[in-house]
Amino acid sequence: MSLTFPAILPRYHRSGLSFVARDGKRTVEFWMTASAFGERFGHRDHDVGKAISTFERNRNAIERVANAAYDGRRRTIVITAAQFDQTVMLPEVVVDED
């Protein structure tokens, strides 16, 4: 089965972000590390609103990596910076500073 990503906001933690997907009736939880989030999307402070805004602006790229990382067995998957590769075509993102 393929994953679907409900339009639910991620949860932000100092250690990164978590978000969910569905594989049929199964819920799969993804954790993106803070270092991956900072390295790939420039988010380096602990402001929840800015973190969620940065995630939402980059949701498609993040979900592509999550889908590629899903193996159909595990219910919790950690996403690191190494999982983002050249095929993901990330846009240049600027973190809101206000």
PDB file of N, CA and C in Angstrom:
ATOM      1  N   MET A   1       0.830  -1.193   0.000  1.00  0.00           N
ATOM      2  CA  MET A   1       0.000   0.000   0.000  1.00  0.00           C
ATOM      3  C   MET A   1       0.870   1.250   0.000  1.00  0.00           C
ATOM      4  N   SER A   2       0.317   2.318  -0.483  1.00  0.00           N
ATOM      5  CA  SER A   2       1.049   3.578  -0.445  1.00  0.00           C
ATOM      6  C   SER A   2       0.572   4.417   0.731  1.00  0.00           C
ATOM      7  N   LEU A   3       1.427   5.295   1.156  1.00  0.00           N
ATOM      8  CA  LEU A   3       1.112   6.158   2.289  1.00  0.00           C
ATOM      9  C   LEU A   3       0.233   7.325   1.869  1.00  0.00           C
ATOM     10  N   THR A   4      -0.609   7.739   2.781  1.00  0.00           N
ATOM     11  CA  THR A   4      -1.339   8.991   2.627  1.00  0.00           C
ATOM     12  C   THR A   4      -0.988   9.846   3.836  1.00  0.00           C
ATOM     13  N   PHE A   5      -0.907  11.138   3.609  1.00  0.00           N
ATOM     14  CA  PHE A   5      -0.526  12.067   4.674  1.00  0.00           C
ATOM     15  C   PHE A   5      -1.717  12.968   4.968  1.00  0.00           C
ATOM     16  N   PRO A   6      -2.358  12.796   6.114  1.00  0.00           N
ATOM     17  CA  PRO A   6      -3.493  13.642   6.453  1.00  0.00           C
ATOM     18  C   PRO A   6      -3.048  15.091   6.671  1.00  0.00           C
ATOM     19  N   ALA A   7      -3.942  16.000   6.447  1.00  0.00           N
ATOM     20  CA  ALA A   7      -3.641  17.425   6.614  1.00  0.00           C
ATOM     21  C   ALA A   7      -3.676  17.789   8.093  1.00  0.00           C
ATOM     22  N   ILE A   8      -2.725  17.229   8.818  1.00  0.00           N
ATOM     23  CA  ILE A   8      -2.590  17.470  10.258  1.00  0.00           C
ATOM     24  C   ILE A   8      -1.252  18.155  10.480  1.00  0.00           C
ATOM     25  N   LEU A   9      -1.244  19.178  11.314  1.00  0.00           N
ATOM     26  CA  LEU A   9       0.009  19.874  11.606  1.00  0.00           C
ATOM     27  C   LEU A   9       0.970  18.957  12.348  1.00  0.00           C
ATOM     28  N   PRO A  10       2.258  19.116  12.094  1.00  0.00           N
ATOM     29  CA  PRO A  10       3.245  18.312  12.821  1.00  0.00           C
ATOM     30  C   PRO A  10       3.351  18.782  14.269  1.00  0.00           C
ATOM     31  N   ARG A  11       3.967  17.962  15.095  1.00  0.00           N
ATOM     32  CA  ARG A  11       4.283  18.370  16.467  1.00  0.00           C
ATOM     33  C   ARG A  11       5.755  18.719  16.502  1.00  0.00           C
ATOM     34  N   TYR A  12       6.060  19.833  17.131  1.00  0.00           N
ATOM     35  CA  TYR A  12       7.450  20.276  17.210  1.00  0.00           C
ATOM     36  C   TYR A  12       7.996  19.986  18.597  1.00  0.00           C
ATOM     37  N   HIS A  13       9.210  19.458  18.635  1.00  0.00           N
ATOM     38  CA  HIS A  13       9.932  19.165  19.869  1.00  0.00           C
ATOM     39  C   HIS A  13      11.343  19.717  19.699  1.00  0.00           C
ATOM     40  N   ARG A  14      12.039  19.973  20.764  1.00  0.00           N
ATOM     41  CA  ARG A  14      13.431  20.444  20.656  1.00  0.00           C
ATOM     42  C   ARG A  14      14.298  19.460  19.882  1.00  0.00           C
ATOM     43  N   SER A  15      13.918  18.201  19.899  1.00  0.00           N
ATOM     44  CA  SER A  15      14.705  17.189  19.191  1.00  0.00           C
ATOM     45  C   SER A  15      14.283  17.023  17.733  1.00  0.00           C
ATOM     46  N   GLY A  16      13.249  17.743  17.303  1.00  0.00           N
ATOM     47  CA  GLY A  16      12.808  17.678  15.916  1.00  0.00           C
ATOM     48  C   GLY A  16      11.304  17.801  15.767  1.00  0.00           C
ATOM     49  N   LEU A  17      10.798  17.241  14.694  1.00  0.00           N
ATOM     50  CA  LEU A  17       9.370  17.285  14.386  1.00  0.00           C
ATOM     51  C   LEU A  17       8.819  15.880  14.240  1.00  0.00           C
ATOM     52  N   SER A  18       7.560  15.707  14.593  1.00  0.00           N
ATOM     53  CA  SER A  18       6.912  14.433  14.332  1.00  0.00           C
ATOM     54  C   SER A  18       5.641  14.693  13.528  1.00  0.00           C
ATOM     55  N   PHE A  19       5.329  13.766  12.637  1.00  0.00           N
ATOM     56  CA  PHE A  19       4.111  13.847  11.838  1.00  0.00           C
ATOM     57  C   PHE A  19       3.680  12.435  11.495  1.00  0.00           C
ATOM     58  N   VAL A  20       2.443  12.280  11.045  1.00  0.00           N
ATOM     59  CA  VAL A  20       1.911  10.948  10.799  1.00  0.00           C
ATOM     60  C   VAL A  20       1.502  10.758   9.348  1.00  0.00           C
ATOM     61  N   ALA A  21       1.405   9.490   8.986  1.00  0.00           N
ATOM     62  CA  ALA A  21       0.889   9.073   7.686  1.00  0.00           C
ATOM     63  C   ALA A  21       0.025   7.842   7.937  1.00  0.00           C
ATOM     64  N   ARG A  22      -0.731   7.464   6.921  1.00  0.00           N
ATOM     65  CA  ARG A  22      -1.573   6.283   7.019  1.00  0.00           C
ATOM     66  C   ARG A  22      -1.207   5.306   5.915  1.00  0.00           C
ATOM     67  N   ASP A  23      -1.126   4.043   6.274  1.00  0.00           N
ATOM     68  CA  ASP A  23      -0.950   2.953   5.322  1.00  0.00           C
ATOM     69  C   ASP A  23      -2.166   2.062   5.522  1.00  0.00           C
ATOM     70  N   GLY A  24      -3.208   2.318   4.755  1.00  0.00           N
ATOM     71  CA  GLY A  24      -4.479   1.637   5.003  1.00  0.00           C
ATOM     72  C   GLY A  24      -5.003   2.065   6.355  1.00  0.00           C
ATOM     73  N   LYS A  25      -5.210   1.111   7.242  1.00  0.00           N
ATOM     74  CA  LYS A  25      -5.685   1.412   8.600  1.00  0.00           C
ATOM     75  C   LYS A  25      -4.551   1.643   9.577  1.00  0.00           C
ATOM     76  N   ARG A  26      -3.328   1.390   9.149  1.00  0.00           N
ATOM     77  CA  ARG A  26      -2.155   1.514  10.018  1.00  0.00           C
ATOM     78  C   ARG A  26      -1.665   2.961  10.059  1.00  0.00           C
ATOM     79  N   THR A  27      -1.367   3.447  11.257  1.00  0.00           N
ATOM     80  CA  THR A  27      -0.769   4.767  11.432  1.00  0.00           C
ATOM     81  C   THR A  27       0.739   4.595  11.523  1.00  0.00           C
ATOM     82  N   VAL A  28       1.452   5.418  10.771  1.00  0.00           N
ATOM     83  CA  VAL A  28       2.912   5.405  10.776  1.00  0.00           C
ATOM     84  C   VAL A  28       3.370   6.769  11.268  1.00  0.00           C
ATOM     85  N   GLU A  29       4.256   6.792  12.250  1.00  0.00           N
ATOM     86  CA  GLU A  29       4.751   8.052  12.783  1.00  0.00           C
ATOM     87  C   GLU A  29       6.173   8.294  12.284  1.00  0.00           C
ATOM     88  N   PHE A  30       6.408   9.520  11.846  1.00  0.00           N
ATOM     89  CA  PHE A  30       7.730   9.922  11.374  1.00  0.00           C
ATOM     90  C   PHE A  30       8.291  10.966  12.329  1.00  0.00           C
ATOM     91  N   TRP A  31       9.582  10.859  12.600  1.00  0.00           N
ATOM     92  CA  TRP A  31      10.311  11.830  13.410  1.00  0.00           C
ATOM     93  C   TRP A  31      11.437  12.390  12.564  1.00  0.00           C
ATOM     94  N   MET A  32      11.412  13.678  12.290  1.00  0.00           N
ATOM     95  CA  MET A  32      12.521  14.326  11.585  1.00  0.00           C
ATOM     96  C   MET A  32      13.406  14.966  12.644  1.00  0.00           C
ATOM     97  N   THR A  33      14.670  14.595  12.657  1.00  0.00           N
ATOM     98  CA  THR A  33      15.578  15.116  13.671  1.00  0.00           C
ATOM     99  C   THR A  33      15.760  16.623  13.521  1.00  0.00           C
ATOM    100  N   ALA A  34      16.075  17.274  14.626  1.00  0.00           N
ATOM    101  CA  ALA A  34      16.320  18.718  14.595  1.00  0.00           C
ATOM    102  C   ALA A  34      17.490  19.054  13.680  1.00  0.00           C
ATOM    103  N   SER A  35      18.512  18.201  13.661  1.00  0.00           N
ATOM    104  CA  SER A  35      19.657  18.476  12.794  1.00  0.00           C
ATOM    105  C   SER A  35      19.269  18.368  11.321  1.00  0.00           C
ATOM    106  N   ALA A  36      18.411  17.414  10.956  1.00  0.00           N
ATOM    107  CA  ALA A  36      17.941  17.310   9.566  1.00  0.00           C
ATOM    108  C   ALA A  36      17.100  18.521   9.206  1.00  0.00           C
ATOM    109  N   PHE A  37      16.235  18.925  10.106  1.00  0.00           N
ATOM    110  CA  PHE A  37      15.363  20.077   9.868  1.00  0.00           C
ATOM    111  C   PHE A  37      16.189  21.341   9.690  1.00  0.00           C
ATOM    112  N   GLY A  38      17.210  21.504  10.514  1.00  0.00           N
ATOM    113  CA  GLY A  38      18.076  22.671  10.406  1.00  0.00           C
ATOM    114  C   GLY A  38      18.938  22.650   9.164  1.00  0.00           C
ATOM    115  N   GLU A  39      19.535  21.496   8.877  1.00  0.00           N
ATOM    116  CA  GLU A  39      20.434  21.386   7.726  1.00  0.00           C
ATOM    117  C   GLU A  39      19.695  21.554   6.407  1.00  0.00           C
ATOM    118  N   ARG A  40      18.538  20.955   6.276  1.00  0.00           N
ATOM    119  CA  ARG A  40      17.820  20.984   4.996  1.00  0.00           C
ATOM    120  C   ARG A  40      16.916  22.186   4.805  1.00  0.00           C
ATOM    121  N   PHE A  41      16.402  22.749   5.910  1.00  0.00           N
ATOM    122  CA  PHE A  41      15.415  23.814   5.776  1.00  0.00           C
ATOM    123  C   PHE A  41      15.768  25.089   6.532  1.00  0.00           C
ATOM    124  N   GLY A  42      16.936  25.129   7.143  1.00  0.00           N
ATOM    125  CA  GLY A  42      17.418  26.346   7.783  1.00  0.00           C
ATOM    126  C   GLY A  42      16.791  26.684   9.118  1.00  0.00           C
ATOM    127  N   HIS A  43      15.979  25.817   9.664  1.00  0.00           N
ATOM    128  CA  HIS A  43      15.332  26.123  10.943  1.00  0.00           C
ATOM    129  C   HIS A  43      16.266  25.768  12.086  1.00  0.00           C
ATOM    130  N   ARG A  44      16.647  26.778  12.863  1.00  0.00           N
ATOM    131  CA  ARG A  44      17.613  26.532  13.939  1.00  0.00           C
ATOM    132  C   ARG A  44      17.187  27.071  15.303  1.00  0.00           C
ATOM    133  N   ASP A  45      16.019  27.707  15.404  1.00  0.00           N
ATOM    134  CA  ASP A  45      15.612  28.166  16.735  1.00  0.00           C
ATOM    135  C   ASP A  45      14.492  27.272  17.263  1.00  0.00           C
ATOM    136  N   HIS A  46      14.005  27.574  18.440  1.00  0.00           N
ATOM    137  CA  HIS A  46      13.019  26.707  19.075  1.00  0.00           C
ATOM    138  C   HIS A  46      11.620  27.312  19.058  1.00  0.00           C
ATOM    139  N   ASP A  47      11.345  28.175  18.101  1.00  0.00           N
ATOM    140  CA  ASP A  47      10.031  28.788  17.976  1.00  0.00           C
ATOM    141  C   ASP A  47       9.081  27.807  17.280  1.00  0.00           C
ATOM    142  N   VAL A  48       8.039  27.402  17.983  1.00  0.00           N
ATOM    143  CA  VAL A  48       7.102  26.410  17.462  1.00  0.00           C
ATOM    144  C   VAL A  48       6.410  26.901  16.194  1.00  0.00           C
ATOM    145  N   GLY A  49       5.930  28.139  16.213  1.00  0.00           N
ATOM    146  CA  GLY A  49       5.219  28.689  15.057  1.00  0.00           C
ATOM    147  C   GLY A  49       6.086  28.711  13.808  1.00  0.00           C
ATOM    148  N   LYS A  50       7.334  29.132  13.951  1.00  0.00           N
ATOM    149  CA  LYS A  50       8.254  29.167  12.808  1.00  0.00           C
ATOM    150  C   LYS A  50       8.571  27.762  12.313  1.00  0.00           C
ATOM    151  N   ALA A  51       8.714  26.830  13.233  1.00  0.00           N
ATOM    152  CA  ALA A  51       9.006  25.444  12.845  1.00  0.00           C
ATOM    153  C   ALA A  51       7.862  24.864  12.028  1.00  0.00           C
ATOM    154  N   ILE A  52       6.649  25.063  12.481  1.00  0.00           N
ATOM    155  CA  ILE A  52       5.492  24.523  11.761  1.00  0.00           C
ATOM    156  C   ILE A  52       5.323  25.217  10.424  1.00  0.00           C
ATOM    157  N   SER A  53       5.548  26.520  10.381  1.00  0.00           N
ATOM    158  CA  SER A  53       5.480  27.251   9.114  1.00  0.00           C
ATOM    159  C   SER A  53       6.521  26.738   8.122  1.00  0.00           C
ATOM    160  N   THR A  54       7.736  26.501   8.595  1.00  0.00           N
ATOM    161  CA  THR A  54       8.799  25.969   7.737  1.00  0.00           C
ATOM    162  C   THR A  54       8.427  24.576   7.236  1.00  0.00           C
ATOM    163  N   PHE A  55       7.880  23.747   8.105  1.00  0.00           N
ATOM    164  CA  PHE A  55       7.433  22.412   7.701  1.00  0.00           C
ATOM    165  C   PHE A  55       6.364  22.508   6.614  1.00  0.00           C
ATOM    166  N   GLU A  56       5.365  23.340   6.839  1.00  0.00           N
ATOM    167  CA  GLU A  56       4.260  23.459   5.881  1.00  0.00           C
ATOM    168  C   GLU A  56       4.743  23.944   4.513  1.00  0.00           C
ATOM    169  N   ARG A  57       5.676  24.880   4.488  1.00  0.00           N
ATOM    170  CA  ARG A  57       6.202  25.365   3.207  1.00  0.00           C
ATOM    171  C   ARG A  57       6.965  24.278   2.466  1.00  0.00           C
ATOM    172  N   ASN A  58       7.468  23.300   3.190  1.00  0.00           N
ATOM    173  CA  ASN A  58       8.286  22.241   2.603  1.00  0.00           C
ATOM    174  C   ASN A  58       7.640  20.858   2.720  1.00  0.00           C
ATOM    175  N   ARG A  59       6.361  20.846   2.991  1.00  0.00           N
ATOM    176  CA  ARG A  59       5.637  19.589   3.235  1.00  0.00           C
ATOM    177  C   ARG A  59       5.811  18.583   2.102  1.00  0.00           C
ATOM    178  N   ASN A  60       5.691  18.994   0.845  1.00  0.00           N
ATOM    179  CA  ASN A  60       5.788  18.046  -0.268  1.00  0.00           C
ATOM    180  C   ASN A  60       7.134  17.334  -0.298  1.00  0.00           C
ATOM    181  N   ALA A  61       8.217  18.081  -0.134  1.00  0.00           N
ATOM    182  CA  ALA A  61       9.553  17.471  -0.143  1.00  0.00           C
ATOM    183  C   ALA A  61       9.727  16.537   1.055  1.00  0.00           C
ATOM    184  N   ILE A  62       9.250  16.946   2.210  1.00  0.00           N
ATOM    185  CA  ILE A  62       9.373  16.124   3.416  1.00  0.00           C
ATOM    186  C   ILE A  62       8.565  14.834   3.261  1.00  0.00           C
ATOM    187  N   GLU A  63       7.367  14.925   2.720  1.00  0.00           N
ATOM    188  CA  GLU A  63       6.537  13.738   2.535  1.00  0.00           C
ATOM    189  C   GLU A  63       7.131  12.794   1.492  1.00  0.00           C
ATOM    190  N   ARG A  64       7.798  13.323   0.465  1.00  0.00           N
ATOM    191  CA  ARG A  64       8.466  12.452  -0.512  1.00  0.00           C
ATOM    192  C   ARG A  64       9.568  11.631   0.163  1.00  0.00           C
ATOM    193  N   VAL A  65      10.346  12.278   1.024  1.00  0.00           N
ATOM    194  CA  VAL A  65      11.408  11.565   1.732  1.00  0.00           C
ATOM    195  C   VAL A  65      10.807  10.551   2.704  1.00  0.00           C
ATOM    196  N   ALA A  66       9.744  10.930   3.392  1.00  0.00           N
ATOM    197  CA  ALA A  66       9.086  10.006   4.320  1.00  0.00           C
ATOM    198  C   ALA A  66       8.552   8.782   3.576  1.00  0.00           C
ATOM    199  N   ASN A  67       7.939   9.018   2.440  1.00  0.00           N
ATOM    200  CA  ASN A  67       7.403   7.911   1.651  1.00  0.00           C
ATOM    201  C   ASN A  67       8.523   6.965   1.198  1.00  0.00           C
ATOM    202  N   ALA A  68       9.652   7.534   0.795  1.00  0.00           N
ATOM    203  CA  ALA A  68      10.791   6.722   0.366  1.00  0.00           C
ATOM    204  C   ALA A  68      11.396   5.940   1.540  1.00  0.00           C
ATOM    205  N   ALA A  69      11.341   6.506   2.741  1.00  0.00           N
ATOM    206  CA  ALA A  69      11.917   5.854   3.917  1.00  0.00           C
ATOM    207  C   ALA A  69      11.024   4.738   4.467  1.00  0.00           C
ATOM    208  N   TYR A  70       9.755   4.775   4.130  1.00  0.00           N
ATOM    209  CA  TYR A  70       8.810   3.784   4.658  1.00  0.00           C
ATOM    210  C   TYR A  70       9.023   2.427   3.996  1.00  0.00           C
ATOM    211  N   ASP A  71       9.185   1.400   4.800  1.00  0.00           N
ATOM    212  CA  ASP A  71       9.432   0.069   4.262  1.00  0.00           C
ATOM    213  C   ASP A  71       8.233  -0.866   4.391  1.00  0.00           C
ATOM    214  N   GLY A  72       7.123  -0.357   4.907  1.00  0.00           N
ATOM    215  CA  GLY A  72       5.924  -1.178   5.022  1.00  0.00           C
ATOM    216  C   GLY A  72       5.837  -1.997   6.287  1.00  0.00           C
ATOM    217  N   ARG A  73       6.876  -1.978   7.100  1.00  0.00           N
ATOM    218  CA  ARG A  73       6.867  -2.797   8.317  1.00  0.00           C
ATOM    219  C   ARG A  73       6.877  -1.958   9.579  1.00  0.00           C
ATOM    220  N   ARG A  74       7.785  -1.006   9.641  1.00  0.00           N
ATOM    221  CA  ARG A  74       7.945  -0.242  10.881  1.00  0.00           C
ATOM    222  C   ARG A  74       6.817   0.780  11.042  1.00  0.00           C
ATOM    223  N   ARG A  75       6.444   1.026  12.282  1.00  0.00           N
ATOM    224  CA  ARG A  75       5.408   2.023  12.576  1.00  0.00           C
ATOM    225  C   ARG A  75       5.991   3.369  12.985  1.00  0.00           C
ATOM    226  N   THR A  76       7.273   3.403  13.312  1.00  0.00           N
ATOM    227  CA  THR A  76       7.950   4.655  13.652  1.00  0.00           C
ATOM    228  C   THR A  76       9.235   4.726  12.839  1.00  0.00           C
ATOM    229  N   ILE A  77       9.415   5.834  12.139  1.00  0.00           N
ATOM    230  CA  ILE A  77      10.573   5.991  11.264  1.00  0.00           C
ATOM    231  C   ILE A  77      11.232   7.331  11.553  1.00  0.00           C
ATOM    232  N   VAL A  78      12.551   7.319  11.735  1.00  0.00           N
ATOM    233  CA  VAL A  78      13.320   8.533  11.964  1.00  0.00           C
ATOM    234  C   VAL A  78      13.889   8.999  10.626  1.00  0.00           C
ATOM    235  N   ILE A  79      13.699  10.278  10.341  1.00  0.00           N
ATOM    236  CA  ILE A  79      14.227  10.869   9.111  1.00  0.00           C
ATOM    237  C   ILE A  79      15.421  11.736   9.470  1.00  0.00           C
ATOM    238  N   THR A  80      16.557  11.426   8.855  1.00  0.00           N
ATOM    239  CA  THR A  80      17.780  12.188   9.083  1.00  0.00           C
ATOM    240  C   THR A  80      18.131  12.990   7.836  1.00  0.00           C
ATOM    241  N   ALA A  81      19.085  13.884   7.969  1.00  0.00           N
ATOM    242  CA  ALA A  81      19.513  14.708   6.838  1.00  0.00           C
ATOM    243  C   ALA A  81      20.031  13.848   5.688  1.00  0.00           C
ATOM    244  N   ALA A  82      20.643  12.716   5.993  1.00  0.00           N
ATOM    245  CA  ALA A  82      21.211  11.851   4.954  1.00  0.00           C
ATOM    246  C   ALA A  82      20.147  11.279   4.021  1.00  0.00           C
ATOM    247  N   GLN A  83      18.905  11.232   4.457  1.00  0.00           N
ATOM    248  CA  GLN A  83      17.846  10.665   3.630  1.00  0.00           C
ATOM    249  C   GLN A  83      17.352  11.616   2.537  1.00  0.00           C
ATOM    250  N   PHE A  84      17.726  12.860   2.645  1.00  0.00           N
ATOM    251  CA  PHE A  84      17.393  13.810   1.587  1.00  0.00           C
ATOM    252  C   PHE A  84      18.502  13.721   0.540  1.00  0.00           C
ATOM    253  N   ASP A  85      18.149  13.489  -0.679  1.00  0.00           N
ATOM    254  CA  ASP A  85      19.171  13.398  -1.723  1.00  0.00           C
ATOM    255  C   ASP A  85      18.835  14.346  -2.871  1.00  0.00           C
ATOM    256  N   GLN A  86      19.615  14.288  -3.911  1.00  0.00           N
ATOM    257  CA  GLN A  86      19.460  15.224  -5.028  1.00  0.00           C
ATOM    258  C   GLN A  86      18.149  15.060  -5.784  1.00  0.00           C
ATOM    259  N   THR A  87      17.511  13.919  -5.704  1.00  0.00           N
ATOM    260  CA  THR A  87      16.266  13.715  -6.449  1.00  0.00           C
ATOM    261  C   THR A  87      15.086  14.436  -5.840  1.00  0.00           C
ATOM    262  N   VAL A  88      15.244  14.962  -4.630  1.00  0.00           N
ATOM    263  CA  VAL A  88      14.118  15.598  -3.963  1.00  0.00           C
ATOM    264  C   VAL A  88      13.908  17.040  -4.400  1.00  0.00           C
ATOM    265  N   MET A  89      14.864  17.654  -5.046  1.00  0.00           N
ATOM    266  CA  MET A  89      14.716  19.021  -5.570  1.00  0.00           C
ATOM    267  C   MET A  89      14.127  19.991  -4.546  1.00  0.00           C
ATOM    268  N   LEU A  90      14.888  20.267  -3.521  1.00  0.00           N
ATOM    269  CA  LEU A  90      14.419  21.166  -2.477  1.00  0.00           C
ATOM    270  C   LEU A  90      14.509  22.626  -2.909  1.00  0.00           C
ATOM    271  N   PRO A  91      13.473  23.398  -2.610  1.00  0.00           N
ATOM    272  CA  PRO A  91      13.547  24.823  -2.920  1.00  0.00           C
ATOM    273  C   PRO A  91      14.440  25.534  -1.906  1.00  0.00           C
ATOM    274  N   GLU A  92      14.929  26.691  -2.267  1.00  0.00           N
ATOM    275  CA  GLU A  92      15.670  27.516  -1.316  1.00  0.00           C
ATOM    276  C   GLU A  92      14.657  28.082  -0.332  1.00  0.00           C
ATOM    277  N   VAL A  93      14.869  27.853   0.941  1.00  0.00           N
ATOM    278  CA  VAL A  93      13.901  28.264   1.959  1.00  0.00           C
ATOM    279  C   VAL A  93      14.562  29.260   2.887  1.00  0.00           C
ATOM    280  N   VAL A  94      13.826  30.315   3.205  1.00  0.00           N
ATOM    281  CA  VAL A  94      14.288  31.304   4.167  1.00  0.00           C
ATOM    282  C   VAL A  94      13.365  31.215   5.366  1.00  0.00           C
ATOM    283  N   VAL A  95      13.926  31.086   6.551  1.00  0.00           N
ATOM    284  CA  VAL A  95      13.142  31.028   7.770  1.00  0.00           C
ATOM    285  C   VAL A  95      12.684  32.424   8.128  1.00  0.00           C
ATOM    286  N   ASP A  96      11.397  32.588   8.437  1.00  0.00           N
ATOM    287  CA  ASP A  96      10.878  33.890   8.858  1.00  0.00           C
ATOM    288  C   ASP A  96      11.556  34.316  10.143  1.00  0.00           C
ATOM    289  N   GLU A  97      12.042  35.523  10.187  1.00  0.00           N
ATOM    290  CA  GLU A  97      12.771  35.995  11.374  1.00  0.00           C
ATOM    291  C   GLU A  97      11.956  36.939  12.244  1.00  0.00           C
ATOM    292  N   ASP A  98      10.716  37.247  11.886  1.00  0.00           N
ATOM    293  CA  ASP A  98       9.949  38.191  12.724  1.00  0.00           C
ATOM    294  C   ASP A  98       9.132  37.523  13.742  1.00  0.00           C
TER     295      ASP A  98
END
